[in-house]
Amino acid sequence: MIDNTPNKFPLSIDILSPRHHLYRRLRGRLCHVTSVHELGGILQKGSILPNLDGSLGLNGLKGPTDYYACQKLHSISLLDLKNSEEAELFGHLPFQNWAGMFIHHRPTIVLVFNEDFDDSEARMLTFDEMQRIGGRHILEAEACYPKPIPIAFIDSAIVLTRRLRIALESKDLHGVHSYCCRNRHRFQNRKNYFEDFLERKRRT
């Protein structure tokens, strides 16, 4: 049975809105959200590869479902704001956690795909599929892509800092990686947006 109470992890409702500059930039696009370390590996290998063992990312699940659903499908997790419905992104629906994709890293890097990227094999899971597969999946905005994605299909990289501000956007992926490495301490010494949000909540 689906719990229709408001989500207790209110990122997409309280932080992002259809007018937010980040959503306006990414609306209608497919992206992959990653970290500085992971971007270095992507550049070294020349492709985004499936994170099969969970070693490249973060998750909070334990036990038999200690993987993301896309990992269990041997697929790459994509943020799909091309095929998502805005009413589902910003409506009060269960499992509304898509904005949480931006908070795990300092900084967060969003790789935006170009129009040459063929997303015909990317698929968003249904609630029943997610239950059957097990693992974490963001129903309203996540798609699983079953093949490596060459970096030639990346249009640009966006570096996000505190308050989900765009610190840098560039088509030069190596330049973005170098910029983040040079500024690593500045990013790591700042709270991310969700931490700041919680702190403001505690003060009120």
C-alpha atoms as a PDB file:
ATOM      1  CA  MET A   1       0.000   0.000   0.000  1.00  0.00           C
ATOM      2  CA  ILE A   2       1.364   3.419  -0.958  1.00  0.00           C
ATOM      3  CA  ASP A   3       1.713   6.007   1.786  1.00  0.00           C
ATOM      4  CA  ASN A   4       0.213   9.250   0.477  1.00  0.00           C
ATOM      5  CA  THR A   5       1.385  11.397   3.382  1.00  0.00           C
ATOM      6  CA  PRO A   6       3.759  14.267   2.526  1.00  0.00           C
ATOM      7  CA  ASN A   7       7.338  13.125   2.093  1.00  0.00           C
ATOM      8  CA  LYS A   8       9.519  13.615   5.176  1.00  0.00           C
ATOM      9  CA  PHE A   9      12.505  14.352   2.928  1.00  0.00           C
ATOM     10  CA  PRO A  10      11.021  17.534   1.396  1.00  0.00           C
ATOM     11  CA  LEU A  11      13.735  18.481  -1.047  1.00  0.00           C
ATOM     12  CA  SER A  12      11.810  18.896  -4.260  1.00  0.00           C
ATOM     13  CA  ILE A  13       8.872  20.660  -2.603  1.00  0.00           C
ATOM     14  CA  ASP A  14      10.696  23.040  -0.286  1.00  0.00           C
ATOM     15  CA  ILE A  15      13.863  23.722  -2.238  1.00  0.00           C
ATOM     16  CA  LEU A  16      13.123  23.487  -5.945  1.00  0.00           C
ATOM     17  CA  SER A  17      10.214  24.956  -7.873  1.00  0.00           C
ATOM     18  CA  PRO A  18       9.398  25.319 -11.579  1.00  0.00           C
ATOM     19  CA  ARG A  19      10.908  28.821 -11.367  1.00  0.00           C
ATOM     20  CA  HIS A  20      14.206  27.714  -9.830  1.00  0.00           C
ATOM     21  CA  HIS A  21      17.184  28.589 -12.046  1.00  0.00           C
ATOM     22  CA  LEU A  22      18.548  25.032 -11.936  1.00  0.00           C
ATOM     23  CA  TYR A  23      15.272  23.458 -13.010  1.00  0.00           C
ATOM     24  CA  ARG A  24      14.887  26.017 -15.811  1.00  0.00           C
ATOM     25  CA  ARG A  25      18.389  25.111 -17.025  1.00  0.00           C
ATOM     26  CA  LEU A  26      17.814  21.339 -16.936  1.00  0.00           C
ATOM     27  CA  ARG A  27      14.157  21.178 -17.986  1.00  0.00           C
ATOM     28  CA  GLY A  28      13.727  18.998 -21.055  1.00  0.00           C
ATOM     29  CA  ARG A  29      17.186  17.448 -20.707  1.00  0.00           C
ATOM     30  CA  LEU A  30      18.713  14.116 -19.720  1.00  0.00           C
ATOM     31  CA  CYS A  31      21.598  14.264 -17.246  1.00  0.00           C
ATOM     32  CA  HIS A  32      23.915  12.162 -15.131  1.00  0.00           C
ATOM     33  CA  VAL A  33      24.707  13.415 -11.626  1.00  0.00           C
ATOM     34  CA  THR A  34      28.183  12.629 -10.333  1.00  0.00           C
ATOM     35  CA  SER A  35      31.132  13.727  -8.170  1.00  0.00           C
ATOM     36  CA  VAL A  36      34.621  15.090  -8.842  1.00  0.00           C
ATOM     37  CA  HIS A  37      36.167  11.680  -8.181  1.00  0.00           C
ATOM     38  CA  GLU A  38      33.709   9.912 -10.459  1.00  0.00           C
ATOM     39  CA  LEU A  39      34.189  12.518 -13.198  1.00  0.00           C
ATOM     40  CA  GLY A  40      37.906  11.767 -13.131  1.00  0.00           C
ATOM     41  CA  GLY A  41      37.156   8.089 -13.747  1.00  0.00           C
ATOM     42  CA  ILE A  42      34.715   8.934 -16.539  1.00  0.00           C
ATOM     43  CA  LEU A  43      37.356  11.047 -18.282  1.00  0.00           C
ATOM     44  CA  GLN A  44      39.980   8.342 -17.841  1.00  0.00           C
ATOM     45  CA  LYS A  45      37.744   5.628 -19.314  1.00  0.00           C
ATOM     46  CA  GLY A  46      36.127   7.868 -21.924  1.00  0.00           C
ATOM     47  CA  SER A  47      32.621   6.740 -20.952  1.00  0.00           C
ATOM     48  CA  ILE A  48      30.106   6.729 -18.133  1.00  0.00           C
ATOM     49  CA  LEU A  49      29.928   3.125 -16.944  1.00  0.00           C
ATOM     50  CA  PRO A  50      27.289   1.338 -14.855  1.00  0.00           C
ATOM     51  CA  ASN A  51      28.071   1.472 -11.123  1.00  0.00           C
ATOM     52  CA  LEU A  52      27.482  -2.233 -10.619  1.00  0.00           C
ATOM     53  CA  ASP A  53      28.853  -2.738  -7.100  1.00  0.00           C
ATOM     54  CA  GLY A  54      27.825   0.594  -5.615  1.00  0.00           C
ATOM     55  CA  SER A  55      31.438   1.564  -4.996  1.00  0.00           C
ATOM     56  CA  LEU A  56      31.197   4.769  -7.048  1.00  0.00           C
ATOM     57  CA  GLY A  57      28.209   6.293  -5.326  1.00  0.00           C
ATOM     58  CA  LEU A  58      26.383   6.742  -2.068  1.00  0.00           C
ATOM     59  CA  ASN A  59      23.300   5.005  -0.783  1.00  0.00           C
ATOM     60  CA  GLY A  60      21.606   4.679   2.561  1.00  0.00           C
ATOM     61  CA  LEU A  61      20.021   1.273   2.128  1.00  0.00           C
ATOM     62  CA  LYS A  62      21.144  -1.796   4.060  1.00  0.00           C
ATOM     63  CA  GLY A  63      20.697  -5.520   3.712  1.00  0.00           C
ATOM     64  CA  PRO A  64      19.515  -7.241   0.522  1.00  0.00           C
ATOM     65  CA  THR A  65      18.474  -3.963  -1.133  1.00  0.00           C
ATOM     66  CA  ASP A  66      21.795  -2.223  -0.568  1.00  0.00           C
ATOM     67  CA  TYR A  67      21.963  -1.070  -4.189  1.00  0.00           C
ATOM     68  CA  TYR A  68      20.125   1.342  -6.394  1.00  0.00           C
ATOM     69  CA  ALA A  69      17.569  -0.253  -8.704  1.00  0.00           C
ATOM     70  CA  CYS A  70      19.498   0.888 -11.785  1.00  0.00           C
ATOM     71  CA  GLN A  71      22.598  -0.856 -10.432  1.00  0.00           C
ATOM     72  CA  LYS A  72      20.669  -4.080 -10.095  1.00  0.00           C
ATOM     73  CA  LEU A  73      19.706  -3.729 -13.750  1.00  0.00           C
ATOM     74  CA  HIS A  74      23.398  -3.188 -14.647  1.00  0.00           C
ATOM     75  CA  SER A  75      22.407   0.268 -15.838  1.00  0.00           C
ATOM     76  CA  ILE A  76      23.413   3.912 -15.479  1.00  0.00           C
ATOM     77  CA  SER A  77      21.186   6.196 -13.434  1.00  0.00           C
ATOM     78  CA  LEU A  78      19.970   9.221 -15.390  1.00  0.00           C
ATOM     79  CA  LEU A  79      18.076  12.265 -14.209  1.00  0.00           C
ATOM     80  CA  ASP A  80      15.298  12.435 -16.787  1.00  0.00           C
ATOM     81  CA  LEU A  81      13.740  15.885 -16.987  1.00  0.00           C
ATOM     82  CA  LYS A  82      12.909  15.284 -20.646  1.00  0.00           C
ATOM     83  CA  ASN A  83      10.201  12.663 -20.197  1.00  0.00           C
ATOM     84  CA  SER A  84       9.103  13.579 -16.668  1.00  0.00           C
ATOM     85  CA  GLU A  85       5.802  15.314 -15.942  1.00  0.00           C
ATOM     86  CA  GLU A  86       6.111  18.641 -14.131  1.00  0.00           C
ATOM     87  CA  ALA A  87       3.029  17.827 -12.063  1.00  0.00           C
ATOM     88  CA  GLU A  88       4.813  14.756 -10.711  1.00  0.00           C
ATOM     89  CA  LEU A  89       8.087  16.618 -10.113  1.00  0.00           C
ATOM     90  CA  PHE A  90       6.473  19.311  -7.995  1.00  0.00           C
ATOM     91  CA  GLY A  91       3.184  17.768  -6.838  1.00  0.00           C
ATOM     92  CA  HIS A  92       2.760  16.270  -3.383  1.00  0.00           C
ATOM     93  CA  LEU A  93       3.337  12.658  -4.382  1.00  0.00           C
ATOM     94  CA  PRO A  94       5.073   9.833  -2.498  1.00  0.00           C
ATOM     95  CA  PHE A  95       8.747   9.132  -3.268  1.00  0.00           C
ATOM     96  CA  GLN A  96       9.313  12.714  -4.410  1.00  0.00           C
ATOM     97  CA  ASN A  97      13.072  12.746  -3.900  1.00  0.00           C
ATOM     98  CA  TRP A  98      14.490  13.787  -7.259  1.00  0.00           C
ATOM     99  CA  ALA A  99      16.132  16.952  -5.916  1.00  0.00           C
ATOM    100  CA  GLY A 100      18.046  14.718  -3.524  1.00  0.00           C
ATOM    101  CA  MET A 101      20.222  13.666  -6.454  1.00  0.00           C
ATOM    102  CA  PHE A 102      22.000  17.012  -6.105  1.00  0.00           C
ATOM    103  CA  ILE A 103      23.052  16.835  -2.441  1.00  0.00           C
ATOM    104  CA  HIS A 104      25.426  13.893  -2.025  1.00  0.00           C
ATOM    105  CA  HIS A 105      28.633  15.466  -3.277  1.00  0.00           C
ATOM    106  CA  ARG A 106      30.688  18.597  -2.634  1.00  0.00           C
ATOM    107  CA  PRO A 107      30.513  19.817  -5.301  1.00  0.00           C
ATOM    108  CA  THR A 108      27.868  18.022  -7.319  1.00  0.00           C
ATOM    109  CA  ILE A 109      28.534  17.770 -11.038  1.00  0.00           C
ATOM    110  CA  VAL A 110      25.653  17.452 -13.504  1.00  0.00           C
ATOM    111  CA  LEU A 111      26.598  16.075 -16.908  1.00  0.00           C
ATOM    112  CA  VAL A 112      24.053  17.263 -19.473  1.00  0.00           C
ATOM    113  CA  PHE A 113      23.654  15.138 -22.603  1.00  0.00           C
ATOM    114  CA  ASN A 114      23.455  16.578 -26.095  1.00  0.00           C
ATOM    115  CA  GLU A 115      20.773  16.008 -28.719  1.00  0.00           C
ATOM    116  CA  ASP A 116      22.796  13.213 -30.369  1.00  0.00           C
ATOM    117  CA  PHE A 117      22.346  10.980 -27.326  1.00  0.00           C
ATOM    118  CA  ASP A 118      19.809   8.254 -28.142  1.00  0.00           C
ATOM    119  CA  ASP A 119      17.706   7.699 -25.026  1.00  0.00           C
ATOM    120  CA  SER A 120      15.393   5.127 -26.623  1.00  0.00           C
ATOM    121  CA  GLU A 121      16.763   2.387 -24.346  1.00  0.00           C
ATOM    122  CA  ALA A 122      16.463   4.440 -21.165  1.00  0.00           C
ATOM    123  CA  ARG A 123      13.471   3.469 -19.102  1.00  0.00           C
ATOM    124  CA  MET A 124      11.753   4.811 -16.033  1.00  0.00           C
ATOM    125  CA  LEU A 125      10.544   2.107 -13.665  1.00  0.00           C
ATOM    126  CA  THR A 126       7.034   1.716 -12.360  1.00  0.00           C
ATOM    127  CA  PHE A 127       6.329   1.325  -8.652  1.00  0.00           C
ATOM    128  CA  ASP A 128       5.668  -2.412  -9.137  1.00  0.00           C
ATOM    129  CA  GLU A 129       8.949  -2.842 -11.018  1.00  0.00           C
ATOM    130  CA  MET A 130      10.840  -1.003  -8.289  1.00  0.00           C
ATOM    131  CA  GLN A 131       9.352  -3.276  -5.637  1.00  0.00           C
ATOM    132  CA  ARG A 132      10.176  -6.374  -7.644  1.00  0.00           C
ATOM    133  CA  ILE A 133      13.759  -5.326  -8.437  1.00  0.00           C
ATOM    134  CA  GLY A 134      14.518  -3.865  -5.012  1.00  0.00           C
ATOM    135  CA  GLY A 135      16.802  -0.943  -4.298  1.00  0.00           C
ATOM    136  CA  ARG A 136      16.340   2.781  -4.360  1.00  0.00           C
ATOM    137  CA  HIS A 137      14.762   4.452  -7.363  1.00  0.00           C
ATOM    138  CA  ILE A 138      13.294   7.919  -7.906  1.00  0.00           C
ATOM    139  CA  LEU A 139      10.051   7.138  -9.669  1.00  0.00           C
ATOM    140  CA  GLU A 140       9.227  10.617 -10.942  1.00  0.00           C
ATOM    141  CA  ALA A 141      12.559  11.495 -12.554  1.00  0.00           C
ATOM    142  CA  GLU A 142      15.057   8.632 -12.773  1.00  0.00           C
ATOM    143  CA  ALA A 143      15.715   6.462 -15.807  1.00  0.00           C
ATOM    144  CA  CYS A 144      18.003   3.441 -16.148  1.00  0.00           C
ATOM    145  CA  TYR A 145      20.234   3.251 -19.232  1.00  0.00           C
ATOM    146  CA  PRO A 146      21.727  -0.201 -19.970  1.00  0.00           C
ATOM    147  CA  LYS A 147      24.912   0.729 -21.872  1.00  0.00           C
ATOM    148  CA  PRO A 148      28.102   2.747 -21.356  1.00  0.00           C
ATOM    149  CA  ILE A 149      27.695   6.350 -22.487  1.00  0.00           C
ATOM    150  CA  PRO A 150      30.700   7.825 -24.344  1.00  0.00           C
ATOM    151  CA  ILE A 151      31.695  11.319 -23.244  1.00  0.00           C
ATOM    152  CA  ALA A 152      31.096  12.498 -26.830  1.00  0.00           C
ATOM    153  CA  PHE A 153      27.393  12.613 -25.889  1.00  0.00           C
ATOM    154  CA  ILE A 154      27.983  15.041 -23.000  1.00  0.00           C
ATOM    155  CA  ASP A 155      27.098  18.584 -24.010  1.00  0.00           C
ATOM    156  CA  SER A 156      28.302  20.326 -20.853  1.00  0.00           C
ATOM    157  CA  ALA A 157      29.077  19.920 -17.170  1.00  0.00           C
ATOM    158  CA  ILE A 158      27.461  22.027 -14.454  1.00  0.00           C
ATOM    159  CA  VAL A 159      29.140  22.441 -11.063  1.00  0.00           C
ATOM    160  CA  LEU A 160      26.697  22.998  -8.207  1.00  0.00           C
ATOM    161  CA  THR A 161      27.622  24.474  -4.849  1.00  0.00           C
ATOM    162  CA  ARG A 162      25.765  25.582  -1.739  1.00  0.00           C
ATOM    163  CA  ARG A 163      22.110  26.517  -2.310  1.00  0.00           C
ATOM    164  CA  LEU A 164      22.224  24.658  -5.628  1.00  0.00           C
ATOM    165  CA  ARG A 165      23.937  27.586  -7.283  1.00  0.00           C
ATOM    166  CA  ILE A 166      25.762  27.067 -10.553  1.00  0.00           C
ATOM    167  CA  ALA A 167      29.434  27.774  -9.843  1.00  0.00           C
ATOM    168  CA  LEU A 168      30.582  26.823 -13.335  1.00  0.00           C
ATOM    169  CA  GLU A 169      29.157  25.491 -16.580  1.00  0.00           C
ATOM    170  CA  SER A 170      31.468  24.455 -19.376  1.00  0.00           C
ATOM    171  CA  LYS A 171      31.752  22.128 -22.348  1.00  0.00           C
ATOM    172  CA  ASP A 172      35.390  21.498 -21.352  1.00  0.00           C
ATOM    173  CA  LEU A 173      35.053  18.436 -19.106  1.00  0.00           C
ATOM    174  CA  HIS A 174      38.761  18.297 -18.298  1.00  0.00           C
ATOM    175  CA  GLY A 175      38.649  21.979 -17.416  1.00  0.00           C
ATOM    176  CA  VAL A 176      35.679  21.379 -15.101  1.00  0.00           C
ATOM    177  CA  HIS A 177      37.533  18.541 -13.368  1.00  0.00           C
ATOM    178  CA  SER A 178      40.636  20.701 -12.909  1.00  0.00           C
ATOM    179  CA  TYR A 179      38.540  23.591 -11.564  1.00  0.00           C
ATOM    180  CA  CYS A 180      36.865  21.344  -8.995  1.00  0.00           C
ATOM    181  CA  CYS A 181      40.169  19.818  -7.891  1.00  0.00           C
ATOM    182  CA  ARG A 182      41.728  23.268  -7.447  1.00  0.00           C
ATOM    183  CA  ASN A 183      38.737  24.442  -5.399  1.00  0.00           C
ATOM    184  CA  ARG A 184      38.098  21.208  -3.493  1.00  0.00           C
ATOM    185  CA  HIS A 185      38.693  22.711  -0.035  1.00  0.00           C
ATOM    186  CA  ARG A 186      36.371  25.625  -0.746  1.00  0.00           C
ATOM    187  CA  PHE A 187      33.578  23.261  -1.716  1.00  0.00           C
ATOM    188  CA  GLN A 188      34.150  20.806   1.129  1.00  0.00           C
ATOM    189  CA  ASN A 189      34.237  23.503   3.781  1.00  0.00           C
ATOM    190  CA  ARG A 190      30.739  24.663   2.882  1.00  0.00           C
ATOM    191  CA  LYS A 191      27.511  23.045   3.920  1.00  0.00           C
ATOM    192  CA  ASN A 192      25.460  21.710   1.075  1.00  0.00           C
ATOM    193  CA  TYR A 193      22.022  23.133   0.409  1.00  0.00           C
ATOM    194  CA  PHE A 194      20.137  20.434   2.288  1.00  0.00           C
ATOM    195  CA  GLU A 195      22.267  20.909   5.415  1.00  0.00           C
ATOM    196  CA  ASP A 196      21.638  24.655   5.229  1.00  0.00           C
ATOM    197  CA  PHE A 197      17.911  23.992   4.779  1.00  0.00           C
ATOM    198  CA  LEU A 198      17.814  21.837   7.916  1.00  0.00           C
ATOM    199  CA  GLU A 199      19.724  24.411   9.909  1.00  0.00           C
ATOM    200  CA  ARG A 200      17.269  27.145   8.931  1.00  0.00           C
ATOM    201  CA  LYS A 201      14.382  24.834   9.883  1.00  0.00           C
ATOM    202  CA  ARG A 202      15.875  24.287  13.339  1.00  0.00           C
ATOM    203  CA  ARG A 203      16.186  28.032  13.902  1.00  0.00           C
ATOM    204  CA  THR A 204      12.498  28.703  13.146  1.00  0.00           C
END
